[in-house]
């Protein structure tokens, strides 16, 4: 283990660490940190990754560390705002740990092949199918309000209501081709019988 005094200036310290790693022919660097519960953890990087780690920081798959589990959460929309989404997701996770929420049993079967009754029996819910449903659920969420703050929470809902109004008032290509066609008059324009046009016939 190497112990060296490091300069206080950030850029000078970065150059010092890189040079010391080359001088001592370092092969791996172990990085230490504390997790959200305060436990000390570490992971190792190669010397080739050191410069990028000092400039940009390092990300890692937590499942590679003892005591960590990799979580893949797929329900957020790819077009969502990642800052707002992760704020609420992290708040939900923290509340679950603080209040000791019990996780449901894992489901190995293909839920898309289940009937609605089967999913209900196993307690498998569905995410909102329309933006308006998502707005209503978010509006009733005290966790979302608390994690985003009143100002961001209120403006998010206001913007989404505007987005929903713009969406629902549009006439889609599908409606033009399928729905409105059935409402067309059987008579060409200008050839509709006078009595159908409301014209008095002598």
N, C-alpha and C. Protein backbone atom coordinates (compact mmCIF):
# COMPACT_ATOMS: atom_id res chain seq x y z
N UNK A 1 0.85 -1.19 0.00
CA UNK A 1 0.00 0.00 0.00
C UNK A 1 0.88 1.24 0.00
N UNK A 2 0.54 2.20 -0.85
CA UNK A 2 1.35 3.39 -1.03
C UNK A 2 0.69 4.58 -0.34
N UNK A 3 1.42 5.30 0.49
CA UNK A 3 0.91 6.49 1.16
C UNK A 3 1.77 7.68 0.73
N UNK A 4 1.14 8.68 0.12
CA UNK A 4 1.85 9.86 -0.35
C UNK A 4 1.00 11.10 -0.04
N UNK A 5 1.65 12.20 0.38
CA UNK A 5 0.89 13.45 0.55
C UNK A 5 0.47 13.97 -0.83
N UNK A 6 -0.78 14.38 -0.95
CA UNK A 6 -1.31 14.83 -2.23
C UNK A 6 -1.52 16.34 -2.20
N UNK A 7 -1.11 17.08 -3.26
CA UNK A 7 -1.31 18.54 -3.31
C UNK A 7 -2.80 18.89 -3.17
N UNK A 8 -3.09 20.09 -2.64
CA UNK A 8 -4.47 20.50 -2.43
C UNK A 8 -5.14 20.96 -3.72
N UNK A 9 -4.37 21.55 -4.65
CA UNK A 9 -4.95 22.00 -5.90
C UNK A 9 -5.45 20.80 -6.71
N UNK A 10 -6.68 20.87 -7.21
CA UNK A 10 -7.31 19.71 -7.86
C UNK A 10 -6.54 19.24 -9.09
N UNK A 11 -6.20 20.17 -9.98
CA UNK A 11 -5.50 19.79 -11.20
C UNK A 11 -4.10 19.27 -10.89
N UNK A 12 -3.43 19.94 -9.96
CA UNK A 12 -2.08 19.51 -9.57
C UNK A 12 -2.14 18.12 -8.91
N UNK A 13 -3.18 17.88 -8.11
CA UNK A 13 -3.34 16.58 -7.47
C UNK A 13 -3.59 15.49 -8.51
N UNK A 14 -4.38 15.81 -9.55
CA UNK A 14 -4.66 14.82 -10.61
C UNK A 14 -3.36 14.42 -11.31
N UNK A 15 -2.53 15.42 -11.67
CA UNK A 15 -1.26 15.13 -12.33
C UNK A 15 -0.33 14.34 -11.41
N UNK A 16 -0.35 14.69 -10.13
CA UNK A 16 0.51 14.01 -9.17
C UNK A 16 0.15 12.52 -9.07
N UNK A 17 -1.16 12.23 -8.97
CA UNK A 17 -1.60 10.84 -8.84
C UNK A 17 -1.26 10.04 -10.10
N UNK A 18 -1.47 10.61 -11.27
CA UNK A 18 -1.16 9.90 -12.51
C UNK A 18 0.34 9.64 -12.62
N UNK A 19 1.14 10.62 -12.27
CA UNK A 19 2.59 10.44 -12.35
C UNK A 19 3.07 9.41 -11.33
N UNK A 20 2.51 9.46 -10.11
CA UNK A 20 2.90 8.48 -9.08
C UNK A 20 2.54 7.08 -9.51
N UNK A 21 1.40 6.90 -10.15
CA UNK A 21 0.98 5.58 -10.62
C UNK A 21 1.95 5.05 -11.66
N UNK A 22 2.44 5.93 -12.54
CA UNK A 22 3.42 5.50 -13.55
C UNK A 22 4.77 5.20 -12.90
N UNK A 23 5.19 6.07 -11.98
CA UNK A 23 6.51 5.89 -11.35
C UNK A 23 6.58 4.59 -10.56
N UNK A 24 5.50 4.22 -9.89
CA UNK A 24 5.50 3.02 -9.07
C UNK A 24 4.94 1.80 -9.81
N UNK A 25 4.71 1.94 -11.11
CA UNK A 25 4.23 0.84 -11.95
C UNK A 25 2.98 0.18 -11.34
N UNK A 26 2.03 1.02 -10.97
CA UNK A 26 0.78 0.54 -10.37
C UNK A 26 -0.06 -0.16 -11.43
N UNK A 27 -0.63 -1.30 -11.09
CA UNK A 27 -1.46 -2.07 -12.03
C UNK A 27 -2.95 -1.87 -11.77
N UNK A 28 -3.34 -1.78 -10.50
CA UNK A 28 -4.75 -1.63 -10.13
C UNK A 28 -4.88 -0.57 -9.04
N UNK A 29 -5.99 0.11 -9.04
CA UNK A 29 -6.32 1.10 -8.01
C UNK A 29 -7.62 0.66 -7.34
N UNK A 30 -7.63 0.63 -6.01
CA UNK A 30 -8.86 0.29 -5.29
C UNK A 30 -9.50 1.58 -4.80
N UNK A 31 -10.76 1.79 -5.20
CA UNK A 31 -11.51 2.99 -4.82
C UNK A 31 -12.49 2.63 -3.70
N UNK A 32 -12.48 3.44 -2.65
CA UNK A 32 -13.34 3.18 -1.49
C UNK A 32 -14.45 4.22 -1.42
N UNK A 33 -15.60 3.80 -0.95
CA UNK A 33 -16.74 4.70 -0.80
C UNK A 33 -17.69 4.10 0.24
N UNK A 34 -18.65 4.90 0.69
CA UNK A 34 -19.69 4.40 1.58
C UNK A 34 -21.00 4.33 0.83
N UNK A 35 -21.77 3.28 1.05
CA UNK A 35 -23.06 3.15 0.38
C UNK A 35 -24.11 3.99 1.10
N UNK A 36 -25.36 3.92 0.62
CA UNK A 36 -26.41 4.77 1.18
C UNK A 36 -26.75 4.41 2.62
N UNK A 37 -26.32 3.23 3.07
CA UNK A 37 -26.55 2.84 4.47
C UNK A 37 -25.35 3.12 5.36
N UNK A 38 -24.28 3.69 4.74
CA UNK A 38 -23.10 4.05 5.53
C UNK A 38 -22.05 2.97 5.63
N UNK A 39 -22.21 1.85 4.90
CA UNK A 39 -21.22 0.77 4.96
C UNK A 39 -20.09 1.05 3.97
N UNK A 40 -18.87 0.73 4.38
CA UNK A 40 -17.70 0.96 3.54
C UNK A 40 -17.62 -0.12 2.46
N UNK A 41 -17.48 0.32 1.20
CA UNK A 41 -17.38 -0.59 0.06
C UNK A 41 -16.20 -0.16 -0.80
N UNK A 42 -15.78 -1.03 -1.70
CA UNK A 42 -14.69 -0.69 -2.60
C UNK A 42 -14.80 -1.48 -3.89
N UNK A 43 -14.16 -0.96 -4.93
CA UNK A 43 -14.01 -1.71 -6.18
C UNK A 43 -12.70 -1.28 -6.83
N UNK A 44 -12.17 -2.10 -7.70
CA UNK A 44 -10.86 -1.86 -8.29
C UNK A 44 -10.99 -1.48 -9.76
N UNK A 45 -10.09 -0.61 -10.22
CA UNK A 45 -10.01 -0.26 -11.63
C UNK A 45 -8.58 -0.45 -12.10
N UNK A 46 -8.40 -0.60 -13.39
CA UNK A 46 -7.05 -0.73 -13.94
C UNK A 46 -6.42 0.66 -14.05
N UNK A 47 -5.09 0.68 -14.23
CA UNK A 47 -4.40 1.95 -14.35
C UNK A 47 -4.83 2.70 -15.61
N UNK A 48 -5.28 1.95 -16.63
CA UNK A 48 -5.74 2.59 -17.86
C UNK A 48 -7.02 3.39 -17.65
N UNK A 49 -7.80 3.02 -16.63
CA UNK A 49 -9.06 3.72 -16.33
C UNK A 49 -8.89 4.88 -15.36
N UNK A 50 -7.68 5.03 -14.82
CA UNK A 50 -7.47 5.99 -13.74
C UNK A 50 -7.71 7.43 -14.18
N UNK A 51 -7.17 7.83 -15.34
CA UNK A 51 -7.29 9.22 -15.78
C UNK A 51 -8.76 9.61 -15.98
N UNK A 52 -9.52 8.72 -16.62
CA UNK A 52 -10.95 9.00 -16.82
C UNK A 52 -11.68 9.05 -15.49
N UNK A 53 -11.27 8.18 -14.54
CA UNK A 53 -11.91 8.17 -13.22
C UNK A 53 -11.68 9.49 -12.49
N UNK A 54 -10.47 10.05 -12.63
CA UNK A 54 -10.16 11.30 -11.96
C UNK A 54 -10.88 12.49 -12.59
N UNK A 55 -11.15 12.41 -13.89
CA UNK A 55 -11.79 13.52 -14.59
C UNK A 55 -13.31 13.44 -14.55
N UNK A 56 -13.87 12.21 -14.71
CA UNK A 56 -15.31 12.06 -14.88
C UNK A 56 -15.98 11.27 -13.76
N UNK A 57 -15.17 10.64 -12.90
CA UNK A 57 -15.75 9.74 -11.91
C UNK A 57 -15.93 8.36 -12.51
N UNK A 58 -16.35 7.41 -11.70
CA UNK A 58 -16.51 6.03 -12.17
C UNK A 58 -17.91 5.52 -11.84
N UNK A 59 -18.49 4.81 -12.79
CA UNK A 59 -19.72 4.08 -12.54
C UNK A 59 -19.41 2.60 -12.55
N UNK A 60 -20.25 1.82 -11.92
CA UNK A 60 -19.99 0.38 -11.87
C UNK A 60 -21.29 -0.36 -11.66
N UNK A 61 -21.27 -1.63 -11.99
CA UNK A 61 -22.41 -2.51 -11.77
C UNK A 61 -22.33 -3.02 -10.33
N UNK A 62 -23.27 -2.57 -9.50
CA UNK A 62 -23.22 -2.91 -8.08
C UNK A 62 -23.28 -4.40 -7.80
N UNK A 63 -23.81 -5.20 -8.75
CA UNK A 63 -23.91 -6.63 -8.50
C UNK A 63 -22.54 -7.30 -8.42
N UNK A 64 -21.49 -6.58 -8.86
CA UNK A 64 -20.15 -7.16 -8.78
C UNK A 64 -19.54 -7.03 -7.39
N UNK A 65 -20.21 -6.33 -6.49
CA UNK A 65 -19.69 -6.13 -5.13
C UNK A 65 -20.54 -6.92 -4.15
N UNK A 66 -19.89 -7.60 -3.24
CA UNK A 66 -20.59 -8.39 -2.25
C UNK A 66 -21.55 -7.51 -1.45
N UNK A 67 -22.78 -7.94 -1.33
CA UNK A 67 -23.76 -7.18 -0.60
C UNK A 67 -24.61 -6.27 -1.47
N UNK A 68 -24.24 -6.13 -2.75
CA UNK A 68 -24.99 -5.30 -3.68
C UNK A 68 -25.82 -6.19 -4.60
N UNK A 69 -26.92 -5.67 -5.07
CA UNK A 69 -27.77 -6.39 -6.03
C UNK A 69 -28.07 -5.48 -7.20
N UNK A 70 -27.98 -6.02 -8.40
CA UNK A 70 -28.27 -5.23 -9.59
C UNK A 70 -29.78 -5.18 -9.80
N UNK A 71 -30.30 -3.98 -10.01
CA UNK A 71 -31.73 -3.78 -10.22
C UNK A 71 -31.94 -3.20 -11.60
N UNK A 72 -32.82 -3.82 -12.36
CA UNK A 72 -33.18 -3.30 -13.67
C UNK A 72 -34.66 -2.93 -13.64
N UNK A 73 -34.92 -1.65 -13.81
CA UNK A 73 -36.29 -1.14 -13.71
C UNK A 73 -36.68 -0.57 -15.07
N UNK A 74 -37.66 -1.21 -15.71
CA UNK A 74 -37.95 -0.88 -17.11
C UNK A 74 -39.19 -0.04 -17.33
N UNK A 75 -39.95 0.27 -16.31
CA UNK A 75 -41.21 0.95 -16.56
C UNK A 75 -41.09 2.43 -16.96
N UNK A 76 -40.03 3.18 -16.57
CA UNK A 76 -39.98 4.58 -17.01
C UNK A 76 -39.94 4.70 -18.54
N UNK A 77 -40.66 5.67 -19.06
CA UNK A 77 -40.69 5.93 -20.49
C UNK A 77 -39.30 6.42 -20.93
N UNK A 78 -38.78 5.92 -22.06
CA UNK A 78 -37.46 6.38 -22.53
C UNK A 78 -37.42 7.89 -22.79
N UNK A 79 -38.59 8.51 -23.01
CA UNK A 79 -38.62 9.95 -23.29
C UNK A 79 -38.80 10.78 -22.03
N UNK A 80 -38.75 10.14 -20.86
CA UNK A 80 -39.00 10.88 -19.62
C UNK A 80 -37.82 11.79 -19.27
N UNK A 81 -38.06 12.71 -18.36
CA UNK A 81 -36.99 13.55 -17.83
C UNK A 81 -36.21 12.72 -16.80
N UNK A 82 -34.95 12.37 -17.07
CA UNK A 82 -34.24 11.46 -16.16
C UNK A 82 -34.01 12.04 -14.77
N UNK A 83 -33.87 13.36 -14.66
CA UNK A 83 -33.62 13.98 -13.35
C UNK A 83 -34.85 13.84 -12.45
N UNK A 84 -36.02 14.12 -13.01
CA UNK A 84 -37.24 13.99 -12.21
C UNK A 84 -37.53 12.52 -11.91
N UNK A 85 -37.34 11.67 -12.92
CA UNK A 85 -37.65 10.24 -12.76
C UNK A 85 -36.78 9.60 -11.69
N UNK A 86 -35.48 9.83 -11.75
CA UNK A 86 -34.59 9.20 -10.77
C UNK A 86 -34.77 9.80 -9.38
N UNK A 87 -35.17 11.06 -9.30
CA UNK A 87 -35.44 11.65 -7.99
C UNK A 87 -36.57 10.90 -7.29
N UNK A 88 -37.65 10.64 -8.04
CA UNK A 88 -38.79 9.94 -7.45
C UNK A 88 -38.45 8.47 -7.19
N UNK A 89 -37.72 7.84 -8.11
CA UNK A 89 -37.35 6.43 -7.94
C UNK A 89 -36.49 6.24 -6.69
N UNK A 90 -35.50 7.13 -6.50
CA UNK A 90 -34.63 7.02 -5.33
C UNK A 90 -35.42 7.29 -4.05
N UNK A 91 -36.32 8.27 -4.10
CA UNK A 91 -37.15 8.55 -2.92
C UNK A 91 -38.02 7.36 -2.57
N UNK A 92 -38.56 6.70 -3.61
CA UNK A 92 -39.40 5.52 -3.36
C UNK A 92 -38.57 4.39 -2.75
N UNK A 93 -37.36 4.20 -3.27
CA UNK A 93 -36.49 3.15 -2.72
C UNK A 93 -36.10 3.43 -1.27
N UNK A 94 -35.77 4.68 -0.98
CA UNK A 94 -35.40 5.04 0.38
C UNK A 94 -36.57 4.85 1.35
N UNK A 95 -37.77 5.24 0.91
CA UNK A 95 -38.93 5.07 1.78
C UNK A 95 -39.20 3.59 2.04
N UNK A 96 -38.99 2.76 1.01
CA UNK A 96 -39.18 1.33 1.19
C UNK A 96 -38.24 0.74 2.23
N UNK A 97 -36.98 1.20 2.21
CA UNK A 97 -36.00 0.70 3.18
C UNK A 97 -36.28 1.25 4.58
N UNK A 98 -36.61 2.54 4.65
CA UNK A 98 -36.85 3.15 5.96
C UNK A 98 -38.07 2.56 6.65
N UNK A 99 -39.11 2.25 5.89
CA UNK A 99 -40.35 1.75 6.47
C UNK A 99 -40.46 0.22 6.40
N UNK A 100 -39.43 -0.41 5.85
CA UNK A 100 -39.41 -1.87 5.84
C UNK A 100 -40.48 -2.51 4.97
N UNK A 101 -40.74 -1.92 3.80
CA UNK A 101 -41.73 -2.52 2.90
C UNK A 101 -41.29 -3.91 2.47
N UNK A 102 -42.22 -4.83 2.42
CA UNK A 102 -41.91 -6.20 2.02
C UNK A 102 -42.03 -6.34 0.50
N UNK A 103 -41.01 -6.92 -0.11
CA UNK A 103 -41.05 -7.14 -1.55
C UNK A 103 -41.97 -8.31 -1.88
N UNK A 104 -42.73 -8.21 -2.97
CA UNK A 104 -43.56 -9.35 -3.37
C UNK A 104 -42.70 -10.48 -3.91
N UNK A 105 -43.28 -11.66 -3.99
CA UNK A 105 -42.56 -12.80 -4.55
C UNK A 105 -42.28 -12.57 -6.04
N UNK A 106 -41.13 -13.03 -6.52
CA UNK A 106 -40.82 -12.84 -7.95
C UNK A 106 -41.78 -13.63 -8.83
N UNK A 107 -42.04 -13.11 -10.02
CA UNK A 107 -42.91 -13.77 -10.99
C UNK A 107 -42.04 -14.24 -12.16
N UNK A 108 -41.97 -15.53 -12.35
CA UNK A 108 -41.13 -16.10 -13.40
C UNK A 108 -41.90 -16.27 -14.70
N UNK A 109 -43.23 -16.33 -14.63
CA UNK A 109 -44.04 -16.56 -15.83
C UNK A 109 -44.11 -15.29 -16.68
N UNK A 110 -44.49 -15.46 -17.94
CA UNK A 110 -44.66 -14.33 -18.85
C UNK A 110 -45.99 -13.64 -18.53
N UNK A 111 -45.93 -12.44 -17.95
CA UNK A 111 -47.15 -11.76 -17.53
C UNK A 111 -48.02 -11.35 -18.72
N UNK A 112 -47.40 -11.22 -19.91
CA UNK A 112 -48.17 -10.82 -21.09
C UNK A 112 -49.06 -11.96 -21.59
N UNK A 113 -48.76 -13.17 -21.15
CA UNK A 113 -49.58 -14.30 -21.55
C UNK A 113 -50.66 -14.61 -20.51
N UNK A 114 -50.65 -13.87 -19.40
CA UNK A 114 -51.65 -14.09 -18.36
C UNK A 114 -52.93 -13.33 -18.70
N UNK A 115 -54.03 -13.86 -18.22
CA UNK A 115 -55.30 -13.15 -18.34
C UNK A 115 -55.36 -12.08 -17.26
N UNK A 116 -56.23 -11.07 -17.41
CA UNK A 116 -56.37 -10.06 -16.36
C UNK A 116 -56.69 -10.66 -14.99
N UNK A 117 -57.50 -11.73 -14.98
CA UNK A 117 -57.85 -12.37 -13.71
C UNK A 117 -56.63 -13.02 -13.07
N UNK A 118 -55.77 -13.65 -13.88
CA UNK A 118 -54.56 -14.29 -13.35
C UNK A 118 -53.61 -13.25 -12.77
N UNK A 119 -53.45 -12.14 -13.48
CA UNK A 119 -52.57 -11.09 -12.97
C UNK A 119 -53.11 -10.51 -11.67
N UNK A 120 -54.41 -10.37 -11.59
CA UNK A 120 -55.01 -9.82 -10.38
C UNK A 120 -54.82 -10.77 -9.20
N UNK A 121 -54.95 -12.08 -9.44
CA UNK A 121 -54.76 -13.06 -8.37
C UNK A 121 -53.34 -13.01 -7.80
N UNK A 122 -52.37 -12.71 -8.66
CA UNK A 122 -50.99 -12.67 -8.21
C UNK A 122 -50.54 -11.27 -7.79
N UNK A 123 -51.49 -10.34 -7.79
CA UNK A 123 -51.17 -8.99 -7.35
C UNK A 123 -50.29 -8.23 -8.31
N UNK A 124 -50.39 -8.53 -9.60
CA UNK A 124 -49.58 -7.86 -10.62
C UNK A 124 -50.39 -6.72 -11.22
N UNK A 125 -49.95 -5.52 -10.96
CA UNK A 125 -50.65 -4.36 -11.50
C UNK A 125 -50.11 -3.96 -12.86
N UNK A 126 -50.67 -2.92 -13.42
CA UNK A 126 -50.21 -2.40 -14.71
C UNK A 126 -49.95 -0.91 -14.57
N UNK A 127 -49.02 -0.42 -15.37
CA UNK A 127 -48.74 1.01 -15.37
C UNK A 127 -49.82 1.70 -16.19
N UNK A 128 -50.01 3.01 -16.02
CA UNK A 128 -51.05 3.71 -16.77
C UNK A 128 -50.89 3.54 -18.27
N UNK A 129 -52.02 3.37 -18.94
CA UNK A 129 -52.00 3.20 -20.39
C UNK A 129 -52.15 4.51 -21.14
N UNK A 130 -52.58 5.56 -20.42
CA UNK A 130 -52.76 6.86 -21.04
C UNK A 130 -52.12 7.93 -20.17
N UNK A 131 -51.74 9.02 -20.80
CA UNK A 131 -51.10 10.11 -20.06
C UNK A 131 -52.01 10.65 -18.97
N UNK A 132 -53.32 10.73 -19.25
CA UNK A 132 -54.24 11.28 -18.25
C UNK A 132 -54.27 10.42 -16.99
N UNK A 133 -54.20 9.09 -17.16
CA UNK A 133 -54.16 8.20 -15.99
C UNK A 133 -52.89 8.45 -15.17
N UNK A 134 -51.77 8.65 -15.87
CA UNK A 134 -50.50 8.91 -15.18
C UNK A 134 -50.57 10.23 -14.42
N UNK A 135 -51.19 11.24 -15.02
CA UNK A 135 -51.33 12.54 -14.35
C UNK A 135 -52.15 12.39 -13.08
N UNK A 136 -53.26 11.66 -13.16
CA UNK A 136 -54.13 11.48 -12.00
C UNK A 136 -53.41 10.75 -10.87
N UNK A 137 -52.65 9.70 -11.21
CA UNK A 137 -51.91 8.95 -10.19
C UNK A 137 -50.82 9.80 -9.55
N UNK A 138 -50.11 10.56 -10.38
CA UNK A 138 -49.04 11.40 -9.86
C UNK A 138 -49.59 12.48 -8.94
N UNK A 139 -50.73 13.06 -9.32
CA UNK A 139 -51.34 14.12 -8.53
C UNK A 139 -51.71 13.64 -7.13
N UNK A 140 -52.05 12.36 -7.00
CA UNK A 140 -52.44 11.82 -5.69
C UNK A 140 -51.26 11.26 -4.90
N UNK A 141 -50.05 11.36 -5.45
CA UNK A 141 -48.87 10.78 -4.81
C UNK A 141 -48.20 11.78 -3.87
N UNK A 142 -48.25 11.50 -2.59
CA UNK A 142 -47.55 12.35 -1.62
C UNK A 142 -46.04 12.18 -1.74
N UNK A 143 -45.58 10.99 -2.15
CA UNK A 143 -44.16 10.76 -2.29
C UNK A 143 -43.58 11.59 -3.43
N UNK A 144 -44.29 11.65 -4.57
CA UNK A 144 -43.81 12.45 -5.70
C UNK A 144 -43.79 13.93 -5.33
N UNK A 145 -44.82 14.39 -4.63
CA UNK A 145 -44.88 15.79 -4.21
C UNK A 145 -43.72 16.11 -3.27
N UNK A 146 -43.44 15.22 -2.34
CA UNK A 146 -42.39 15.46 -1.36
C UNK A 146 -40.99 15.40 -1.99
N UNK A 147 -40.77 14.45 -2.91
CA UNK A 147 -39.44 14.28 -3.48
C UNK A 147 -39.11 15.36 -4.52
N UNK A 148 -40.11 15.86 -5.24
CA UNK A 148 -39.86 16.88 -6.26
C UNK A 148 -39.95 18.29 -5.70
N UNK A 149 -40.67 18.47 -4.62
CA UNK A 149 -40.90 19.81 -4.11
C UNK A 149 -42.15 20.40 -4.74
N UNK A 150 -42.80 21.28 -4.03
CA UNK A 150 -44.09 21.81 -4.46
C UNK A 150 -44.02 22.53 -5.80
N UNK A 151 -42.99 23.33 -6.01
CA UNK A 151 -42.88 24.12 -7.25
C UNK A 151 -42.72 23.21 -8.47
N UNK A 152 -41.76 22.30 -8.42
CA UNK A 152 -41.53 21.40 -9.56
C UNK A 152 -42.73 20.48 -9.77
N UNK A 153 -43.30 19.98 -8.68
CA UNK A 153 -44.44 19.07 -8.76
C UNK A 153 -45.63 19.75 -9.46
N UNK A 154 -45.95 20.97 -9.05
CA UNK A 154 -47.09 21.68 -9.62
C UNK A 154 -46.87 22.00 -11.09
N UNK A 155 -45.66 22.44 -11.45
CA UNK A 155 -45.38 22.78 -12.84
C UNK A 155 -45.30 21.55 -13.74
N UNK A 156 -44.83 20.44 -13.19
CA UNK A 156 -44.82 19.20 -13.96
C UNK A 156 -46.23 18.79 -14.34
N UNK A 157 -47.14 18.81 -13.38
CA UNK A 157 -48.53 18.44 -13.66
C UNK A 157 -49.18 19.42 -14.63
N UNK A 158 -48.90 20.71 -14.47
CA UNK A 158 -49.47 21.70 -15.39
C UNK A 158 -49.00 21.47 -16.82
N UNK A 159 -47.71 21.18 -16.99
CA UNK A 159 -47.17 20.94 -18.33
C UNK A 159 -47.76 19.67 -18.94
N UNK A 160 -47.93 18.65 -18.14
CA UNK A 160 -48.47 17.39 -18.65
C UNK A 160 -49.95 17.52 -19.01
N UNK A 161 -50.69 18.36 -18.29
CA UNK A 161 -52.09 18.60 -18.65
C UNK A 161 -52.18 19.31 -20.00
N UNK A 162 -51.27 20.26 -20.23
CA UNK A 162 -51.23 20.93 -21.54
C UNK A 162 -50.91 19.93 -22.64
N UNK A 163 -49.93 19.06 -22.36
CA UNK A 163 -49.56 18.03 -23.35
C UNK A 163 -50.74 17.10 -23.65
N UNK A 164 -51.48 16.72 -22.61
CA UNK A 164 -52.63 15.84 -22.82
C UNK A 164 -53.73 16.53 -23.63
N UNK A 165 -54.00 17.81 -23.33
CA UNK A 165 -55.02 18.54 -24.07
C UNK A 165 -54.66 18.67 -25.54
N UNK A 166 -53.39 18.92 -25.83
CA UNK A 166 -52.96 19.02 -27.22
C UNK A 166 -53.08 17.68 -27.94
N UNK A 167 -52.81 16.62 -27.22
CA UNK A 167 -52.89 15.29 -27.83
C UNK A 167 -54.35 14.89 -28.10
N UNK A 168 -55.22 15.07 -27.11
CA UNK A 168 -56.58 14.55 -27.23
C UNK A 168 -57.44 15.35 -28.20
N UNK A 169 -57.05 16.58 -28.52
CA UNK A 169 -57.85 17.39 -29.44
C UNK A 169 -57.40 17.26 -30.89
N UNK A 170 -56.42 16.43 -31.15
CA UNK A 170 -55.96 16.24 -32.53
C UNK A 170 -56.78 15.14 -33.21
N UNK A 171 -56.99 15.32 -34.50
CA UNK A 171 -57.63 14.29 -35.31
C UNK A 171 -56.51 13.48 -35.96
N UNK A 172 -56.45 12.20 -35.65
CA UNK A 172 -55.36 11.36 -36.13
C UNK A 172 -55.63 10.83 -37.54
N UNK A 173 -54.59 10.33 -38.17
CA UNK A 173 -54.72 9.73 -39.49
C UNK A 173 -55.64 8.52 -39.46
N UNK A 174 -55.59 7.79 -38.36
CA UNK A 174 -56.46 6.62 -38.21
C UNK A 174 -57.93 7.05 -38.22
N UNK A 175 -58.25 8.11 -37.50
CA UNK A 175 -59.63 8.59 -37.45
C UNK A 175 -60.09 9.08 -38.82
N UNK A 176 -59.20 9.76 -39.53
CA UNK A 176 -59.56 10.25 -40.86
C UNK A 176 -59.88 9.11 -41.82
N UNK A 177 -59.12 8.02 -41.69
CA UNK A 177 -59.29 6.91 -42.62
C UNK A 177 -60.42 5.97 -42.22
N UNK A 178 -60.65 5.82 -40.94
CA UNK A 178 -61.60 4.80 -40.48
C UNK A 178 -62.90 5.35 -39.90
N UNK A 179 -62.80 6.36 -39.06
CA UNK A 179 -64.00 6.85 -38.39
C UNK A 179 -64.76 7.87 -39.22
N UNK A 180 -64.08 8.89 -39.71
CA UNK A 180 -64.76 9.95 -40.44
C UNK A 180 -65.31 9.47 -41.78
N UNK A 181 -64.69 8.46 -42.34
CA UNK A 181 -65.18 7.94 -43.63
C UNK A 181 -66.61 7.43 -43.51
N UNK A 182 -66.94 6.84 -42.36
CA UNK A 182 -68.28 6.31 -42.18
C UNK A 182 -69.31 7.41 -42.02
N UNK A 183 -68.86 8.64 -41.77
CA UNK A 183 -69.78 9.77 -41.61
C UNK A 183 -69.97 10.55 -42.91
N UNK A 184 -69.25 10.16 -43.96
CA UNK A 184 -69.36 10.90 -45.21
C UNK A 184 -70.75 10.76 -45.82
N UNK A 185 -71.20 11.80 -46.50
CA UNK A 185 -72.51 11.79 -47.16
C UNK A 185 -72.46 10.91 -48.40
N UNK A 186 -73.52 10.14 -48.66
CA UNK A 186 -73.56 9.32 -49.88
C UNK A 186 -73.74 10.16 -51.14
N UNK A 187 -74.03 11.45 -50.95
CA UNK A 187 -74.26 12.33 -52.10
C UNK A 187 -73.05 13.23 -52.29
N UNK A 188 -72.56 13.38 -53.51
CA UNK A 188 -71.46 14.31 -53.76
C UNK A 188 -71.85 15.71 -53.36
N UNK A 189 -70.86 16.49 -52.98
CA UNK A 189 -71.12 17.87 -52.57
C UNK A 189 -71.81 18.62 -53.71
N UNK A 190 -72.86 19.33 -53.40
CA UNK A 190 -73.58 20.10 -54.40
C UNK A 190 -74.70 19.34 -55.06
N UNK A 191 -74.78 18.01 -54.81
CA UNK A 191 -75.82 17.21 -55.44
C UNK A 191 -76.80 16.64 -54.42
N UNK A 192 -76.66 17.06 -53.16
CA UNK A 192 -77.56 16.57 -52.13
C UNK A 192 -78.97 17.07 -52.43
N UNK A 193 -79.98 16.21 -52.30
CA UNK A 193 -81.35 16.65 -52.54
C UNK A 193 -81.68 17.89 -51.73
N UNK A 194 -82.51 18.74 -52.32
CA UNK A 194 -82.84 20.02 -51.68
C UNK A 194 -83.45 19.83 -50.31
N UNK A 195 -84.32 18.79 -50.18
CA UNK A 195 -84.96 18.59 -48.87
C UNK A 195 -83.96 18.19 -47.80
N UNK A 196 -82.85 17.55 -48.22
CA UNK A 196 -81.81 17.18 -47.25
C UNK A 196 -80.98 18.38 -46.85
N UNK A 197 -80.92 19.41 -47.78
CA UNK A 197 -80.13 20.59 -47.49
C UNK A 197 -80.93 21.62 -46.70
N UNK A 198 -82.21 21.32 -46.42
CA UNK A 198 -83.00 22.28 -45.68
C UNK A 198 -83.60 23.34 -46.55
N UNK A 199 -83.62 23.11 -47.88
CA UNK A 199 -84.18 24.09 -48.81
C UNK A 199 -85.65 23.75 -49.03
N UNK A 200 -86.50 24.76 -48.96
CA UNK A 200 -87.93 24.54 -49.13
C UNK A 200 -88.21 24.16 -50.58
N UNK A 201 -88.93 23.09 -50.77
CA UNK A 201 -89.26 22.61 -52.09
C UNK A 201 -90.71 22.98 -52.38
N UNK A 202 -90.94 23.66 -53.51
CA UNK A 202 -92.31 24.07 -53.86
C UNK A 202 -93.11 22.87 -54.31
